[in-house]
Amino acid sequence: MSQENSRVVVTVVGKDKVGIIARVANVLAENDANILDISQTIMQDFFTMIMIVDIQNCKVDMAGLKETLDVEGEKIGVKISAQREDVFQYMHRI
């Protein structure tokens, strides 16, 4: 996988609770996905986070990573989405 195609945008949205960042980071670390950048905020009682993640050395393919993040999101009560960076940029261009 080329370096430019190895970056993924991961977004997390849900009711704020202890441990969200740790749980998502653990899933990524267990699969050898490297967090390059992270921003999170709490708006009222809602937690929002966006991460740029390098999946070049990831143990699973993109579909597998998305499924794993979906399962973890359900466990902790948040919505986790993952998109390739190029797709994310294309969808959000003006």
PDB file of N, CA and C in Angstrom:
ATOM      1  N   MET A   1       0.852  -1.161   0.000  1.00  0.00           N
ATOM      2  CA  MET A   1       0.000   0.000   0.000  1.00  0.00           C
ATOM      3  C   MET A   1       0.905   1.233   0.000  1.00  0.00           C
ATOM      4  N   SER A   2       0.620   2.166  -0.888  1.00  0.00           N
ATOM      5  CA  SER A   2       1.442   3.374  -0.940  1.00  0.00           C
ATOM      6  C   SER A   2       1.134   4.244   0.273  1.00  0.00           C
ATOM      7  N   GLN A   3       2.091   5.080   0.627  1.00  0.00           N
ATOM      8  CA  GLN A   3       1.934   5.914   1.806  1.00  0.00           C
ATOM      9  C   GLN A   3       0.749   6.867   1.672  1.00  0.00           C
ATOM     10  N   GLU A   4       0.530   7.406   0.464  1.00  0.00           N
ATOM     11  CA  GLU A   4      -0.584   8.344   0.307  1.00  0.00           C
ATOM     12  C   GLU A   4      -1.939   7.662   0.429  1.00  0.00           C
ATOM     13  N   ASN A   5      -2.011   6.356   0.176  1.00  0.00           N
ATOM     14  CA  ASN A   5      -3.266   5.622   0.311  1.00  0.00           C
ATOM     15  C   ASN A   5      -3.403   4.946   1.664  1.00  0.00           C
ATOM     16  N   SER A   6      -2.441   5.165   2.546  1.00  0.00           N
ATOM     17  CA  SER A   6      -2.462   4.452   3.816  1.00  0.00           C
ATOM     18  C   SER A   6      -3.049   5.278   4.958  1.00  0.00           C
ATOM     19  N   ARG A   7      -3.497   6.486   4.668  1.00  0.00           N
ATOM     20  CA  ARG A   7      -4.054   7.330   5.722  1.00  0.00           C
ATOM     21  C   ARG A   7      -5.575   7.248   5.740  1.00  0.00           C
ATOM     22  N   VAL A   8      -6.101   7.160   6.947  1.00  0.00           N
ATOM     23  CA  VAL A   8      -7.538   6.990   7.171  1.00  0.00           C
ATOM     24  C   VAL A   8      -8.005   8.061   8.159  1.00  0.00           C
ATOM     25  N   VAL A   9      -9.202   8.589   7.925  1.00  0.00           N
ATOM     26  CA  VAL A   9      -9.831   9.521   8.858  1.00  0.00           C
ATOM     27  C   VAL A   9     -10.825   8.717   9.696  1.00  0.00           C
ATOM     28  N   VAL A  10     -10.615   8.726  11.004  1.00  0.00           N
ATOM     29  CA  VAL A  10     -11.503   8.029  11.937  1.00  0.00           C
ATOM     30  C   VAL A  10     -12.250   9.088  12.733  1.00  0.00           C
ATOM     31  N   THR A  11     -13.570   9.002  12.730  1.00  0.00           N
ATOM     32  CA  THR A  11     -14.384   9.932  13.514  1.00  0.00           C
ATOM     33  C   THR A  11     -15.176   9.154  14.558  1.00  0.00           C
ATOM     34  N   VAL A  12     -15.335   9.780  15.711  1.00  0.00           N
ATOM     35  CA  VAL A  12     -16.069   9.167  16.819  1.00  0.00           C
ATOM     36  C   VAL A  12     -17.036  10.213  17.370  1.00  0.00           C
ATOM     37  N   VAL A  13     -18.302   9.837  17.505  1.00  0.00           N
ATOM     38  CA  VAL A  13     -19.316  10.744  18.037  1.00  0.00           C
ATOM     39  C   VAL A  13     -20.213   9.955  18.983  1.00  0.00           C
ATOM     40  N   GLY A  14     -20.526  10.555  20.116  1.00  0.00           N
ATOM     41  CA  GLY A  14     -21.447   9.905  21.040  1.00  0.00           C
ATOM     42  C   GLY A  14     -21.513  10.629  22.363  1.00  0.00           C
ATOM     43  N   LYS A  15     -22.290  10.080  23.261  1.00  0.00           N
ATOM     44  CA  LYS A  15     -22.427  10.629  24.612  1.00  0.00           C
ATOM     45  C   LYS A  15     -21.083  10.480  25.322  1.00  0.00           C
ATOM     46  N   ASP A  16     -20.640  11.542  25.977  1.00  0.00           N
ATOM     47  CA  ASP A  16     -19.349  11.517  26.654  1.00  0.00           C
ATOM     48  C   ASP A  16     -19.347  10.527  27.811  1.00  0.00           C
ATOM     49  N   LYS A  17     -18.245   9.796  27.935  1.00  0.00           N
ATOM     50  CA  LYS A  17     -18.035   8.880  29.056  1.00  0.00           C
ATOM     51  C   LYS A  17     -16.540   8.611  29.178  1.00  0.00           C
ATOM     52  N   VAL A  18     -16.125   8.129  30.289  1.00  0.00           N
ATOM     53  CA  VAL A  18     -14.722   7.832  30.543  1.00  0.00           C
ATOM     54  C   VAL A  18     -14.247   6.690  29.634  1.00  0.00           C
ATOM     55  N   GLY A  19     -13.075   6.845  29.036  1.00  0.00           N
ATOM     56  CA  GLY A  19     -12.419   5.747  28.346  1.00  0.00           C
ATOM     57  C   GLY A  19     -12.603   5.661  26.846  1.00  0.00           C
ATOM     58  N   ILE A  20     -13.330   6.583  26.234  1.00  0.00           N
ATOM     59  CA  ILE A  20     -13.568   6.484  24.784  1.00  0.00           C
ATOM     60  C   ILE A  20     -12.247   6.530  24.016  1.00  0.00           C
ATOM     61  N   ILE A  21     -11.419   7.529  24.302  1.00  0.00           N
ATOM     62  CA  ILE A  21     -10.157   7.656  23.572  1.00  0.00           C
ATOM     63  C   ILE A  21      -9.306   6.410  23.774  1.00  0.00           C
ATOM     64  N   ALA A  22      -9.219   5.936  24.996  1.00  0.00           N
ATOM     65  CA  ALA A  22      -8.408   4.750  25.291  1.00  0.00           C
ATOM     66  C   ALA A  22      -8.903   3.526  24.528  1.00  0.00           C
ATOM     67  N   ARG A  23     -10.202   3.324  24.484  1.00  0.00           N
ATOM     68  CA  ARG A  23     -10.742   2.135  23.812  1.00  0.00           C
ATOM     69  C   ARG A  23     -10.471   2.177  22.310  1.00  0.00           C
ATOM     70  N   VAL A  24     -10.684   3.356  21.685  1.00  0.00           N
ATOM     71  CA  VAL A  24     -10.439   3.473  20.242  1.00  0.00           C
ATOM     72  C   VAL A  24      -8.944   3.330  19.961  1.00  0.00           C
ATOM     73  N   ALA A  25      -8.114   3.993  20.765  1.00  0.00           N
ATOM     74  CA  ALA A  25      -6.663   3.899  20.582  1.00  0.00           C
ATOM     75  C   ALA A  25      -6.168   2.462  20.746  1.00  0.00           C
ATOM     76  N   ASN A  26      -6.749   1.721  21.675  1.00  0.00           N
ATOM     77  CA  ASN A  26      -6.358   0.322  21.876  1.00  0.00           C
ATOM     78  C   ASN A  26      -6.681  -0.534  20.654  1.00  0.00           C
ATOM     79  N   VAL A  27      -7.855  -0.339  20.064  1.00  0.00           N
ATOM     80  CA  VAL A  27      -8.223  -1.087  18.852  1.00  0.00           C
ATOM     81  C   VAL A  27      -7.210  -0.806  17.752  1.00  0.00           C
ATOM     82  N   LEU A  28      -6.875   0.464  17.578  1.00  0.00           N
ATOM     83  CA  LEU A  28      -5.912   0.829  16.535  1.00  0.00           C
ATOM     84  C   LEU A  28      -4.536   0.230  16.830  1.00  0.00           C
ATOM     85  N   ALA A  29      -4.077   0.336  18.069  1.00  0.00           N
ATOM     86  CA  ALA A  29      -2.765  -0.201  18.443  1.00  0.00           C
ATOM     87  C   ALA A  29      -2.706  -1.718  18.275  1.00  0.00           C
ATOM     88  N   GLU A  30      -3.761  -2.408  18.657  1.00  0.00           N
ATOM     89  CA  GLU A  30      -3.795  -3.875  18.525  1.00  0.00           C
ATOM     90  C   GLU A  30      -3.674  -4.319  17.073  1.00  0.00           C
ATOM     91  N   ASN A  31      -4.055  -3.438  16.154  1.00  0.00           N
ATOM     92  CA  ASN A  31      -3.997  -3.763  14.730  1.00  0.00           C
ATOM     93  C   ASN A  31      -2.830  -3.086  14.013  1.00  0.00           C
ATOM     94  N   ASP A  32      -1.894  -2.525  14.777  1.00  0.00           N
ATOM     95  CA  ASP A  32      -0.705  -1.842  14.244  1.00  0.00           C
ATOM     96  C   ASP A  32      -1.046  -0.656  13.357  1.00  0.00           C
ATOM     97  N   ALA A  33      -2.122   0.040  13.682  1.00  0.00           N
ATOM     98  CA  ALA A  33      -2.469   1.283  13.007  1.00  0.00           C
ATOM     99  C   ALA A  33      -1.924   2.422  13.869  1.00  0.00           C
ATOM    100  N   ASN A  34      -1.238   3.374  13.242  1.00  0.00           N
ATOM    101  CA  ASN A  34      -0.557   4.438  13.958  1.00  0.00           C
ATOM    102  C   ASN A  34      -1.357   5.746  13.913  1.00  0.00           C
ATOM    103  N   ILE A  35      -1.657   6.295  15.070  1.00  0.00           N
ATOM    104  CA  ILE A  35      -2.364   7.577  15.149  1.00  0.00           C
ATOM    105  C   ILE A  35      -1.365   8.688  14.839  1.00  0.00           C
ATOM    106  N   LEU A  36      -1.638   9.448  13.778  1.00  0.00           N
ATOM    107  CA  LEU A  36      -0.767  10.546  13.372  1.00  0.00           C
ATOM    108  C   LEU A  36      -1.204  11.870  13.968  1.00  0.00           C
ATOM    109  N   ASP A  37      -2.506  12.060  14.105  1.00  0.00           N
ATOM    110  CA  ASP A  37      -3.039  13.312  14.635  1.00  0.00           C
ATOM    111  C   ASP A  37      -4.389  13.014  15.267  1.00  0.00           C
ATOM    112  N   ILE A  38      -4.715  13.782  16.285  1.00  0.00           N
ATOM    113  CA  ILE A  38      -5.987  13.565  16.982  1.00  0.00           C
ATOM    114  C   ILE A  38      -6.507  14.900  17.505  1.00  0.00           C
ATOM    115  N   SER A  39      -7.802  15.076  17.380  1.00  0.00           N
ATOM    116  CA  SER A  39      -8.467  16.246  17.947  1.00  0.00           C
ATOM    117  C   SER A  39      -9.775  15.763  18.552  1.00  0.00           C
ATOM    118  N   GLN A  40     -10.048  16.206  19.755  1.00  0.00           N
ATOM    119  CA  GLN A  40     -11.305  15.822  20.385  1.00  0.00           C
ATOM    120  C   GLN A  40     -11.854  16.989  21.163  1.00  0.00           C
ATOM    121  N   THR A  41     -13.154  16.990  21.295  1.00  0.00           N
ATOM    122  CA  THR A  41     -13.818  18.029  22.075  1.00  0.00           C
ATOM    123  C   THR A  41     -15.108  17.464  22.651  1.00  0.00           C
ATOM    124  N   ILE A  42     -15.571  18.139  23.656  1.00  0.00           N
ATOM    125  CA  ILE A  42     -16.861  17.783  24.248  1.00  0.00           C
ATOM    126  C   ILE A  42     -17.750  19.006  24.096  1.00  0.00           C
ATOM    127  N   MET A  43     -18.872  18.804  23.425  1.00  0.00           N
ATOM    128  CA  MET A  43     -19.851  19.870  23.220  1.00  0.00           C
ATOM    129  C   MET A  43     -21.094  19.473  23.996  1.00  0.00           C
ATOM    130  N   GLN A  44     -21.350  20.234  25.086  1.00  0.00           N
ATOM    131  CA  GLN A  44     -22.397  19.886  26.038  1.00  0.00           C
ATOM    132  C   GLN A  44     -22.068  18.485  26.557  1.00  0.00           C
ATOM    133  N   ASP A  45     -22.901  17.482  26.331  1.00  0.00           N
ATOM    134  CA  ASP A  45     -22.605  16.125  26.811  1.00  0.00           C
ATOM    135  C   ASP A  45     -22.130  15.212  25.687  1.00  0.00           C
ATOM    136  N   PHE A  46     -21.842  15.786  24.517  1.00  0.00           N
ATOM    137  CA  PHE A  46     -21.465  14.963  23.374  1.00  0.00           C
ATOM    138  C   PHE A  46     -19.967  15.011  23.122  1.00  0.00           C
ATOM    139  N   PHE A  47     -19.403  13.839  22.966  1.00  0.00           N
ATOM    140  CA  PHE A  47     -17.987  13.667  22.681  1.00  0.00           C
ATOM    141  C   PHE A  47     -17.808  13.587  21.173  1.00  0.00           C
ATOM    142  N   THR A  48     -16.851  14.326  20.635  1.00  0.00           N
ATOM    143  CA  THR A  48     -16.507  14.224  19.215  1.00  0.00           C
ATOM    144  C   THR A  48     -14.995  14.121  19.092  1.00  0.00           C
ATOM    145  N   MET A  49     -14.552  13.272  18.187  1.00  0.00           N
ATOM    146  CA  MET A  49     -13.120  13.087  17.975  1.00  0.00           C
ATOM    147  C   MET A  49     -12.878  12.780  16.501  1.00  0.00           C
ATOM    148  N   ILE A  50     -11.779  13.308  15.993  1.00  0.00           N
ATOM    149  CA  ILE A  50     -11.336  12.965  14.654  1.00  0.00           C
ATOM    150  C   ILE A  50      -9.856  12.616  14.740  1.00  0.00           C
ATOM    151  N   MET A  51      -9.479  11.551  14.054  1.00  0.00           N
ATOM    152  CA  MET A  51      -8.091  11.090  14.046  1.00  0.00           C
ATOM    153  C   MET A  51      -7.639  10.889  12.612  1.00  0.00           C
ATOM    154  N   ILE A  52      -6.367  11.160  12.379  1.00  0.00           N
ATOM    155  CA  ILE A  52      -5.727  10.747  11.135  1.00  0.00           C
ATOM    156  C   ILE A  52      -4.856   9.559  11.516  1.00  0.00           C
ATOM    157  N   VAL A  53      -5.050   8.436  10.831  1.00  0.00           N
ATOM    158  CA  VAL A  53      -4.411   7.180  11.201  1.00  0.00           C
ATOM    159  C   VAL A  53      -3.685   6.597   9.987  1.00  0.00           C
ATOM    160  N   ASP A  54      -2.460   6.153  10.210  1.00  0.00           N
ATOM    161  CA  ASP A  54      -1.694   5.479   9.164  1.00  0.00           C
ATOM    162  C   ASP A  54      -1.918   3.971   9.305  1.00  0.00           C
ATOM    163  N   ILE A  55      -2.444   3.347   8.243  1.00  0.00           N
ATOM    164  CA  ILE A  55      -2.734   1.910   8.299  1.00  0.00           C
ATOM    165  C   ILE A  55      -1.779   1.101   7.413  1.00  0.00           C
ATOM    166  N   GLN A  56      -0.649   1.707   7.037  1.00  0.00           N
ATOM    167  CA  GLN A  56       0.297   1.025   6.152  1.00  0.00           C
ATOM    168  C   GLN A  56       0.715  -0.346   6.699  1.00  0.00           C
ATOM    169  N   ASN A  57       0.924  -0.452   8.002  1.00  0.00           N
ATOM    170  CA  ASN A  57       1.367  -1.709   8.614  1.00  0.00           C
ATOM    171  C   ASN A  57       0.249  -2.438   9.349  1.00  0.00           C
ATOM    172  N   CYS A  58      -0.990  -2.060   9.069  1.00  0.00           N
ATOM    173  CA  CYS A  58      -2.137  -2.625   9.764  1.00  0.00           C
ATOM    174  C   CYS A  58      -2.248  -4.135   9.521  1.00  0.00           C
ATOM    175  N   LYS A  59      -2.611  -4.864  10.562  1.00  0.00           N
ATOM    176  CA  LYS A  59      -2.747  -6.317  10.492  1.00  0.00           C
ATOM    177  C   LYS A  59      -3.964  -6.768   9.698  1.00  0.00           C
ATOM    178  N   VAL A  60      -4.951  -5.887   9.547  1.00  0.00           N
ATOM    179  CA  VAL A  60      -6.182  -6.225   8.828  1.00  0.00           C
ATOM    180  C   VAL A  60      -6.376  -5.241   7.685  1.00  0.00           C
ATOM    181  N   ASP A  61      -7.209  -5.611   6.721  1.00  0.00           N
ATOM    182  CA  ASP A  61      -7.507  -4.684   5.630  1.00  0.00           C
ATOM    183  C   ASP A  61      -8.502  -3.629   6.119  1.00  0.00           C
ATOM    184  N   MET A  62      -8.803  -2.687   5.246  1.00  0.00           N
ATOM    185  CA  MET A  62      -9.679  -1.572   5.609  1.00  0.00           C
ATOM    186  C   MET A  62     -11.043  -2.071   6.090  1.00  0.00           C
ATOM    187  N   ALA A  63     -11.611  -3.035   5.398  1.00  0.00           N
ATOM    188  CA  ALA A  63     -12.915  -3.579   5.789  1.00  0.00           C
ATOM    189  C   ALA A  63     -12.848  -4.207   7.179  1.00  0.00           C
ATOM    190  N   GLY A  64     -11.777  -4.923   7.442  1.00  0.00           N
ATOM    191  CA  GLY A  64     -11.604  -5.544   8.757  1.00  0.00           C
ATOM    192  C   GLY A  64     -11.452  -4.524   9.860  1.00  0.00           C
ATOM    193  N   LEU A  65     -10.721  -3.457   9.583  1.00  0.00           N
ATOM    194  CA  LEU A  65     -10.541  -2.403  10.581  1.00  0.00           C
ATOM    195  C   LEU A  65     -11.873  -1.691  10.853  1.00  0.00           C
ATOM    196  N   LYS A  66     -12.611  -1.400   9.789  1.00  0.00           N
ATOM    197  CA  LYS A  66     -13.915  -0.756   9.963  1.00  0.00           C
ATOM    198  C   LYS A  66     -14.842  -1.626  10.808  1.00  0.00           C
ATOM    199  N   GLU A  67     -14.865  -2.915  10.540  1.00  0.00           N
ATOM    200  CA  GLU A  67     -15.717  -3.833  11.296  1.00  0.00           C
ATOM    201  C   GLU A  67     -15.312  -3.866  12.768  1.00  0.00           C
ATOM    202  N   THR A  68     -14.013  -3.928  13.025  1.00  0.00           N
ATOM    203  CA  THR A  68     -13.524  -3.949  14.401  1.00  0.00           C
ATOM    204  C   THR A  68     -13.900  -2.660  15.131  1.00  0.00           C
ATOM    205  N   LEU A  69     -13.754  -1.519  14.451  1.00  0.00           N
ATOM    206  CA  LEU A  69     -14.131  -0.243  15.058  1.00  0.00           C
ATOM    207  C   LEU A  69     -15.640  -0.160  15.283  1.00  0.00           C
ATOM    208  N   ASP A  70     -16.434  -0.686  14.342  1.00  0.00           N
ATOM    209  CA  ASP A  70     -17.891  -0.714  14.508  1.00  0.00           C
ATOM    210  C   ASP A  70     -18.285  -1.497  15.761  1.00  0.00           C
ATOM    211  N   VAL A  71     -17.681  -2.671  15.924  1.00  0.00           N
ATOM    212  CA  VAL A  71     -17.985  -3.524  17.075  1.00  0.00           C
ATOM    213  C   VAL A  71     -17.614  -2.812  18.376  1.00  0.00           C
ATOM    214  N   GLU A  72     -16.429  -2.195  18.403  1.00  0.00           N
ATOM    215  CA  GLU A  72     -16.000  -1.487  19.615  1.00  0.00           C
ATOM    216  C   GLU A  72     -16.925  -0.303  19.899  1.00  0.00           C
ATOM    217  N   GLY A  73     -17.328   0.410  18.851  1.00  0.00           N
ATOM    218  CA  GLY A  73     -18.248   1.525  19.019  1.00  0.00           C
ATOM    219  C   GLY A  73     -19.564   1.091  19.640  1.00  0.00           C
ATOM    220  N   GLU A  74     -20.088  -0.040  19.183  1.00  0.00           N
ATOM    221  CA  GLU A  74     -21.336  -0.565  19.757  1.00  0.00           C
ATOM    222  C   GLU A  74     -21.149  -0.902  21.227  1.00  0.00           C
ATOM    223  N   LYS A  75     -20.011  -1.469  21.584  1.00  0.00           N
ATOM    224  CA  LYS A  75     -19.743  -1.841  22.974  1.00  0.00           C
ATOM    225  C   LYS A  75     -19.739  -0.631  23.892  1.00  0.00           C
ATOM    226  N   ILE A  76     -19.193   0.492  23.401  1.00  0.00           N
ATOM    227  CA  ILE A  76     -19.055   1.658  24.275  1.00  0.00           C
ATOM    228  C   ILE A  76     -20.107   2.734  24.006  1.00  0.00           C
ATOM    229  N   GLY A  77     -21.006   2.474  23.075  1.00  0.00           N
ATOM    230  CA  GLY A  77     -22.127   3.373  22.840  1.00  0.00           C
ATOM    231  C   GLY A  77     -21.816   4.621  22.045  1.00  0.00           C
ATOM    232  N   VAL A  78     -20.853   4.517  21.100  1.00  0.00           N
ATOM    233  CA  VAL A  78     -20.535   5.647  20.218  1.00  0.00           C
ATOM    234  C   VAL A  78     -20.551   5.161  18.772  1.00  0.00           C
ATOM    235  N   LYS A  79     -20.608   6.106  17.853  1.00  0.00           N
ATOM    236  CA  LYS A  79     -20.544   5.793  16.421  1.00  0.00           C
ATOM    237  C   LYS A  79     -19.123   6.079  15.956  1.00  0.00           C
ATOM    238  N   ILE A  80     -18.466   5.054  15.426  1.00  0.00           N
ATOM    239  CA  ILE A  80     -17.107   5.200  14.905  1.00  0.00           C
ATOM    240  C   ILE A  80     -17.150   4.960  13.405  1.00  0.00           C
ATOM    241  N   SER A  81     -16.618   5.916  12.653  1.00  0.00           N
ATOM    242  CA  SER A  81     -16.549   5.799  11.202  1.00  0.00           C
ATOM    243  C   SER A  81     -15.092   5.879  10.769  1.00  0.00           C
ATOM    244  N   ALA A  82     -14.754   5.188   9.696  1.00  0.00           N
ATOM    245  CA  ALA A  82     -13.396   5.244   9.143  1.00  0.00           C
ATOM    246  C   ALA A  82     -13.502   5.328   7.625  1.00  0.00           C
ATOM    247  N   GLN A  83     -12.789   6.287   7.057  1.00  0.00           N
ATOM    248  CA  GLN A  83     -12.753   6.470   5.599  1.00  0.00           C
ATOM    249  C   GLN A  83     -11.326   6.748   5.180  1.00  0.00           C
ATOM    250  N   ARG A  84     -10.966   6.268   4.014  1.00  0.00           N
ATOM    251  CA  ARG A  84      -9.658   6.628   3.465  1.00  0.00           C
ATOM    252  C   ARG A  84      -9.597   8.145   3.349  1.00  0.00           C
ATOM    253  N   GLU A  85      -8.441   8.708   3.607  1.00  0.00           N
ATOM    254  CA  GLU A  85      -8.292  10.162   3.613  1.00  0.00           C
ATOM    255  C   GLU A  85      -8.671  10.785   2.270  1.00  0.00           C
ATOM    256  N   ASP A  86      -8.287  10.143   1.169  1.00  0.00           N
ATOM    257  CA  ASP A  86      -8.603  10.714  -0.143  1.00  0.00           C
ATOM    258  C   ASP A  86     -10.115  10.742  -0.386  1.00  0.00           C
ATOM    259  N   VAL A  87     -10.826   9.727   0.051  1.00  0.00           N
ATOM    260  CA  VAL A  87     -12.288   9.685  -0.085  1.00  0.00           C
ATOM    261  C   VAL A  87     -12.915  10.753   0.806  1.00  0.00           C
ATOM    262  N   PHE A  88     -12.424  10.878   2.039  1.00  0.00           N
ATOM    263  CA  PHE A  88     -12.933  11.883   2.960  1.00  0.00           C
ATOM    264  C   PHE A  88     -12.765  13.284   2.376  1.00  0.00           C
ATOM    265  N   GLN A  89     -11.573  13.582   1.853  1.00  0.00           N
ATOM    266  CA  GLN A  89     -11.318  14.900   1.269  1.00  0.00           C
ATOM    267  C   GLN A  89     -12.208  15.152   0.052  1.00  0.00           C
ATOM    268  N   TYR A  90     -12.395  14.140  -0.760  1.00  0.00           N
ATOM    269  CA  TYR A  90     -13.252  14.294  -1.943  1.00  0.00           C
ATOM    270  C   TYR A  90     -14.693  14.595  -1.542  1.00  0.00           C
ATOM    271  N   MET A  91     -15.180  13.901  -0.542  1.00  0.00           N
ATOM    272  CA  MET A  91     -16.564  14.077  -0.100  1.00  0.00           C
ATOM    273  C   MET A  91     -16.790  15.425   0.581  1.00  0.00           C
ATOM    274  N   HIS A  92     -15.743  16.024   1.147  1.00  0.00           N
ATOM    275  CA  HIS A  92     -15.902  17.252   1.902  1.00  0.00           C
ATOM    276  C   HIS A  92     -15.277  18.463   1.216  1.00  0.00           C
ATOM    277  N   ARG A  93     -15.065  18.374  -0.069  1.00  0.00           N
ATOM    278  CA  ARG A  93     -14.513  19.521  -0.791  1.00  0.00           C
ATOM    279  C   ARG A  93     -15.622  20.528  -1.078  1.00  0.00           C
ATOM    280  N   ILE A  94     -15.221  21.747  -1.271  1.00  0.00           N
ATOM    281  CA  ILE A  94     -16.211  22.809  -1.557  1.00  0.00           C
ATOM    282  C   ILE A  94     -16.152  23.140  -3.021  1.00  0.00           C
TER     283      ILE A  94
END
